[in-house]
């Protein structure tokens, strides 16, 4: 992060310094002033100092704007997928047993919003965790859609991997169950990493 700041700072100072020197060059040419009377070591230092001040202002203004945008996005995210509800269910449930789909509504709402092209963070660390979280959630949802079946004689949204009318080999059942449980753990871990990154970025407290 520090090296990126230094790189950006030097780039900004170079652009601003070139701009100021071009203006001085224009004035020298128009007013017929001897260049050595204006372009002195002191003037160079002043130009560098002015460039440093302006560059810092531009950099921190950009960071502030990015933080504000990420803050709004994260607020929407945490309202959609809070630390209670789906996250607790993913953390504690064994997906080899009966699955209450209503408990996953928050996760699927995040999935629907997150798959929108407008849903991305400007902060690279936040966006990295966000992409992983979406990828894991999409895979989790796809497996459940393919291999889970509704429990009969109930009005609730209850599903399970094994169904009385559908034959599934024990090895396949174990494979699906283990994959779902692993993905559930991965989703919770990535969710926690996203929360930590948001706190470090001062967009969540």
Protein backbone atom coordinates (compact mmCIF):
# COMPACT_ATOMS: atom_id res chain seq x y z
CA UNK A 1 0.00 0.00 0.00
CA UNK A 2 2.85 2.40 0.92
CA UNK A 3 4.79 1.68 -2.29
CA UNK A 4 1.63 2.22 -4.34
CA UNK A 5 1.20 5.60 -2.62
CA UNK A 6 4.83 6.60 -3.38
CA UNK A 7 4.44 5.52 -7.02
CA UNK A 8 1.22 7.52 -7.40
CA UNK A 9 2.74 10.52 -5.59
CA UNK A 10 5.75 10.72 -7.91
CA UNK A 11 3.50 10.36 -10.94
CA UNK A 12 1.25 13.20 -9.74
CA UNK A 13 4.22 15.47 -8.85
CA UNK A 14 5.73 14.83 -12.29
CA UNK A 15 2.49 15.78 -14.06
CA UNK A 16 1.93 18.89 -11.94
CA UNK A 17 5.59 19.96 -12.23
CA UNK A 18 5.49 19.60 -16.02
CA UNK A 19 2.34 21.69 -16.12
CA UNK A 20 3.89 24.49 -14.05
CA UNK A 21 7.11 24.46 -16.13
CA UNK A 22 5.07 24.68 -19.33
CA UNK A 23 3.30 27.77 -17.95
CA UNK A 24 6.65 29.33 -16.99
CA UNK A 25 8.01 28.53 -20.44
CA UNK A 26 5.02 30.19 -22.05
CA UNK A 27 5.49 33.34 -19.89
CA UNK A 28 9.24 33.47 -20.63
CA UNK A 29 8.57 33.24 -24.34
CA UNK A 30 5.85 35.90 -24.34
CA UNK A 31 7.53 38.36 -21.97
CA UNK A 32 11.06 37.87 -23.38
CA UNK A 33 12.47 37.09 -19.95
CA UNK A 34 15.88 35.48 -19.61
CA UNK A 35 15.17 31.86 -18.49
CA UNK A 36 18.04 31.79 -15.98
CA UNK A 37 16.41 34.65 -14.06
CA UNK A 38 13.31 32.56 -13.36
CA UNK A 39 14.28 28.88 -13.62
CA UNK A 40 16.59 28.73 -10.58
CA UNK A 41 17.19 25.91 -8.07
CA UNK A 42 14.90 27.70 -5.61
CA UNK A 43 12.11 27.82 -8.20
CA UNK A 44 12.59 24.08 -8.85
CA UNK A 45 12.23 23.39 -5.12
CA UNK A 46 9.12 25.56 -4.93
CA UNK A 47 7.63 23.72 -7.92
CA UNK A 48 8.35 20.34 -6.30
CA UNK A 49 6.83 21.51 -3.00
CA UNK A 50 3.69 22.84 -4.72
CA UNK A 51 3.47 19.61 -6.72
CA UNK A 52 3.76 17.59 -3.50
CA UNK A 53 0.91 19.52 -1.84
CA UNK A 54 -1.40 19.31 -4.85
CA UNK A 55 -0.56 15.62 -5.45
CA UNK A 56 -1.38 14.71 -1.84
CA UNK A 57 -4.65 16.57 -2.06
CA UNK A 58 -5.59 14.76 -5.28
CA UNK A 59 -4.60 11.34 -3.88
CA UNK A 60 -6.46 11.72 -0.59
CA UNK A 61 -9.51 13.19 -2.34
CA UNK A 62 -9.64 10.11 -4.54
CA UNK A 63 -9.20 7.78 -1.55
CA UNK A 64 -11.96 9.60 0.33
CA UNK A 65 -14.33 9.31 -2.63
CA UNK A 66 -13.50 5.61 -3.05
CA UNK A 67 -14.07 5.00 0.67
CA UNK A 68 -17.44 6.71 0.53
CA UNK A 69 -18.52 4.59 -2.42
CA UNK A 70 -17.30 1.39 -0.78
CA UNK A 71 -18.96 2.41 2.49
CA UNK A 72 -22.37 2.68 0.80
CA UNK A 73 -21.90 -0.68 -0.93
CA UNK A 74 -20.79 -2.39 2.27
CA UNK A 75 -23.76 -0.96 4.17
CA UNK A 76 -26.06 -2.53 1.57
CA UNK A 77 -24.12 -5.80 1.86
CA UNK A 78 -24.28 -6.01 5.67
CA UNK A 79 -28.00 -5.18 5.63
CA UNK A 80 -28.61 -7.94 3.09
CA UNK A 81 -26.35 -10.53 4.72
CA UNK A 82 -25.96 -9.70 8.44
CA UNK A 83 -23.98 -11.75 10.94
CA UNK A 84 -27.20 -13.45 12.06
CA UNK A 85 -29.56 -15.56 9.97
CA UNK A 86 -27.99 -17.31 6.99
CA UNK A 87 -24.41 -16.92 8.24
CA UNK A 88 -25.24 -18.59 11.56
CA UNK A 89 -27.11 -21.36 9.72
CA UNK A 90 -24.12 -21.98 7.44
CA UNK A 91 -21.79 -22.04 10.44
CA UNK A 92 -23.79 -24.54 12.49
CA UNK A 93 -25.85 -26.72 10.13
CA UNK A 94 -24.93 -30.16 8.80
CA UNK A 95 -26.07 -30.19 5.18
CA UNK A 96 -26.29 -33.95 5.16
CA UNK A 97 -29.51 -33.55 7.19
CA UNK A 98 -32.77 -31.77 6.35
CA UNK A 99 -32.14 -28.29 4.94
CA UNK A 100 -34.42 -25.35 5.73
CA UNK A 101 -34.22 -23.23 2.57
CA UNK A 102 -35.84 -20.25 4.30
CA UNK A 103 -32.68 -19.97 6.39
CA UNK A 104 -30.70 -19.33 3.21
CA UNK A 105 -32.82 -16.44 1.89
CA UNK A 106 -30.34 -13.78 3.02
CA UNK A 107 -27.48 -15.61 1.30
CA UNK A 108 -29.41 -15.90 -1.95
CA UNK A 109 -30.44 -12.25 -1.82
CA UNK A 110 -26.75 -11.33 -1.53
CA UNK A 111 -26.06 -13.64 -4.47
CA UNK A 112 -28.68 -11.92 -6.62
CA UNK A 113 -27.35 -8.44 -5.78
CA UNK A 114 -23.71 -9.48 -5.96
CA UNK A 115 -23.99 -10.90 -9.47
CA UNK A 116 -24.98 -7.43 -10.72
CA UNK A 117 -22.16 -5.70 -12.71
CA UNK A 118 -22.60 -2.61 -10.49
CA UNK A 119 -21.79 -4.55 -7.31
CA UNK A 120 -18.03 -4.17 -6.85
CA UNK A 121 -15.63 -2.51 -4.42
CA UNK A 122 -12.96 -0.02 -5.46
CA UNK A 123 -10.75 -1.28 -2.62
CA UNK A 124 -8.81 -4.23 -4.07
CA UNK A 125 -8.79 -6.29 -0.85
CA UNK A 126 -12.53 -5.89 -0.33
CA UNK A 127 -13.24 -6.78 -3.95
CA UNK A 128 -11.00 -9.87 -3.76
CA UNK A 129 -12.98 -11.26 -0.79
CA UNK A 130 -16.25 -10.20 -2.41
CA UNK A 131 -15.46 -12.18 -5.59
CA UNK A 132 -14.50 -15.28 -3.61
CA UNK A 133 -17.66 -14.99 -1.50
CA UNK A 134 -19.80 -14.76 -4.64
CA UNK A 135 -18.04 -17.66 -6.33
CA UNK A 136 -18.47 -19.92 -3.29
CA UNK A 137 -22.11 -18.88 -2.89
CA UNK A 138 -22.88 -19.56 -6.55
CA UNK A 139 -21.31 -23.02 -6.34
CA UNK A 140 -23.18 -23.77 -3.09
CA UNK A 141 -26.49 -22.71 -4.66
CA UNK A 142 -25.85 -24.72 -7.84
CA UNK A 143 -25.12 -27.93 -5.93
CA UNK A 144 -28.21 -27.54 -3.75
CA UNK A 145 -30.37 -26.88 -6.81
CA UNK A 146 -29.08 -29.99 -8.53
CA UNK A 147 -28.96 -32.51 -5.70
CA UNK A 148 -31.57 -31.51 -3.08
CA UNK A 149 -35.21 -32.60 -3.09
CA UNK A 150 -38.26 -31.25 -1.23
CA UNK A 151 -39.44 -33.10 1.85
CA UNK A 152 -42.99 -34.33 1.29
CA UNK A 153 -45.99 -33.60 3.49
CA UNK A 154 -44.79 -30.25 4.78
CA UNK A 155 -45.64 -26.64 3.99
CA UNK A 156 -42.14 -25.43 4.90
CA UNK A 157 -39.26 -25.11 2.45
CA UNK A 158 -37.51 -28.25 3.69
CA UNK A 159 -35.13 -30.14 1.44
CA UNK A 160 -32.64 -32.97 1.74
CA UNK A 161 -30.02 -34.64 -0.42
CA UNK A 162 -31.45 -38.13 0.01
CA UNK A 163 -35.02 -38.70 -1.16
CA UNK A 164 -37.12 -41.84 -0.75
CA UNK A 165 -38.09 -41.87 -4.43
CA UNK A 166 -34.63 -41.13 -5.82
CA UNK A 167 -31.80 -43.60 -5.52
CA UNK A 168 -28.41 -42.08 -4.70
CA UNK A 169 -25.34 -44.13 -3.89
CA UNK A 170 -23.80 -43.69 -0.46
CA UNK A 171 -20.47 -42.55 -1.94
CA UNK A 172 -22.20 -39.87 -3.99
CA UNK A 173 -24.26 -38.76 -1.00
CA UNK A 174 -21.11 -38.39 1.13
CA UNK A 175 -19.37 -36.48 -1.65
CA UNK A 176 -22.25 -33.99 -1.99
CA UNK A 177 -22.71 -33.61 1.77
CA UNK A 178 -19.00 -33.00 2.36
CA UNK A 179 -18.80 -30.50 -0.50
CA UNK A 180 -21.78 -28.54 0.82
CA UNK A 181 -20.37 -28.47 4.34
CA UNK A 182 -16.94 -27.40 3.04
CA UNK A 183 -18.49 -24.62 0.95
CA UNK A 184 -20.59 -23.47 3.92
CA UNK A 185 -17.40 -23.20 6.02
CA UNK A 186 -15.59 -21.37 3.20
CA UNK A 187 -18.45 -18.88 2.82
CA UNK A 188 -18.39 -18.09 6.55
CA UNK A 189 -14.58 -17.72 6.57
CA UNK A 190 -14.61 -15.41 3.53
CA UNK A 191 -17.47 -13.42 5.04
CA UNK A 192 -15.37 -12.88 8.18
CA UNK A 193 -12.36 -11.82 6.10
CA UNK A 194 -14.54 -9.29 4.28
CA UNK A 195 -15.74 -7.88 7.61
CA UNK A 196 -12.14 -7.58 8.87
CA UNK A 197 -11.00 -5.89 5.64
CA UNK A 198 -13.91 -3.43 5.90
CA UNK A 199 -12.90 -2.52 9.44
CA UNK A 200 -9.27 -2.02 8.41
CA UNK A 201 -10.43 0.23 5.57
CA UNK A 202 -12.49 2.32 8.03
CA UNK A 203 -15.74 1.71 6.15
CA UNK A 204 -17.27 -0.39 8.94
CA UNK A 205 -17.07 -0.13 12.72
